[in-house]
Structures are given as C-alpha cells and as structure tokens.
Amino acid sequence: MAFKTLQTKREPLTLETLAQSIARRRAAAPEIVVPRNEGKRRTASKQALLEAIAETGTKW
C-alpha cells in the first residue's frame, strides 16, 4: 500500500498490463514523424559548441 489515506476504486495497474496497453496504442496509432531542427537560428555559441562536439566524433 502506497499511502494509508489513499482510497481508489480501481485495481492497481501492473507493469505488464501497462506495457501491453502501450503496445496496443502504439500499434493502433500512425507513426509520428517529428522533423529535425534545421538549425537556422542558432547562436554563435551554440554553433561553436556543436562544432566542438562534432570534432570529438560523437553525436549529442
């Protein structure tokens, strides 16, 4: 029991049930495509930071 004063009318949700619910929702929903940031409005300091990261050979 999480809280002594908590009174709920429904059964607790197990992680397995939650995972199945999420999988069903993902299968039913169309794929969401989020466009990448083109970086047209980056400040000079941000550009310098990204260039320094790129020089190390890693992605952020």
Protein backbone atom coordinates (compact mmCIF):
# COMPACT_ATOMS: atom_id res chain seq x y z
CA MET A 1 0.00 0.00 0.00
CA ALA A 2 1.49 3.31 -1.05
CA PHE A 3 -0.48 5.64 1.22
CA LYS A 4 -2.62 4.85 4.23
CA THR A 5 -5.13 7.53 3.25
CA LEU A 6 -5.30 6.64 -0.46
CA GLN A 7 -8.67 5.23 -1.38
CA THR A 8 -9.12 4.25 -5.01
CA LYS A 9 -11.99 2.44 -6.69
CA ARG A 10 -9.88 0.55 -9.21
CA GLU A 11 -7.26 -2.15 -9.00
CA PRO A 12 -3.58 -1.22 -9.24
CA LEU A 13 -2.04 -1.41 -12.71
CA THR A 14 0.84 -3.86 -13.12
CA LEU A 15 3.83 -3.07 -15.29
CA GLU A 16 2.97 -5.96 -17.60
CA THR A 17 -0.54 -4.62 -18.13
CA LEU A 18 0.84 -1.13 -18.71
CA ALA A 19 3.33 -2.46 -21.29
CA GLN A 20 0.57 -4.32 -23.13
CA SER A 21 -1.63 -1.23 -23.14
CA ILE A 22 1.19 0.93 -24.52
CA ALA A 23 1.99 -1.66 -27.20
CA ARG A 24 -1.67 -1.74 -28.29
CA ARG A 25 -1.84 2.04 -28.50
CA ARG A 26 1.39 2.26 -30.50
CA ALA A 27 0.15 -0.39 -32.93
CA ALA A 28 -3.15 1.45 -33.42
CA ALA A 29 -1.66 4.92 -33.86
CA PRO A 30 0.07 6.05 -37.04
CA GLU A 31 3.81 6.60 -36.93
CA ILE A 32 4.67 10.08 -35.72
CA VAL A 33 7.40 11.80 -37.73
CA VAL A 34 9.00 14.75 -35.98
CA PRO A 35 11.05 16.98 -38.28
CA ARG A 36 14.62 17.68 -37.23
CA ASN A 37 15.66 21.17 -36.27
CA GLU A 38 17.38 22.73 -39.27
CA GLY A 39 19.44 25.00 -37.04
CA LYS A 40 18.88 28.21 -39.00
CA ARG A 41 18.52 30.36 -35.87
CA ARG A 42 21.37 29.01 -33.73
CA THR A 43 23.55 31.44 -31.83
CA ALA A 44 27.27 31.61 -32.44
CA SER A 45 27.97 29.99 -29.07
CA LYS A 46 25.63 27.08 -29.85
CA GLN A 47 27.24 26.60 -33.27
CA ALA A 48 30.68 26.56 -31.66
CA LEU A 49 29.54 24.03 -29.08
CA LEU A 50 28.07 21.73 -31.74
CA GLU A 51 31.22 22.00 -33.85
CA ALA A 52 33.36 21.09 -30.82
CA ILE A 53 31.14 18.09 -30.13
CA ALA A 54 31.34 17.04 -33.80
CA GLU A 55 35.14 17.24 -33.69
CA THR A 56 35.18 14.64 -30.92
CA GLY A 57 33.32 12.27 -33.22
CA THR A 58 30.21 11.95 -31.07
CA LYS A 59 26.58 12.89 -31.51
CA TRP A 60 24.65 14.78 -28.89
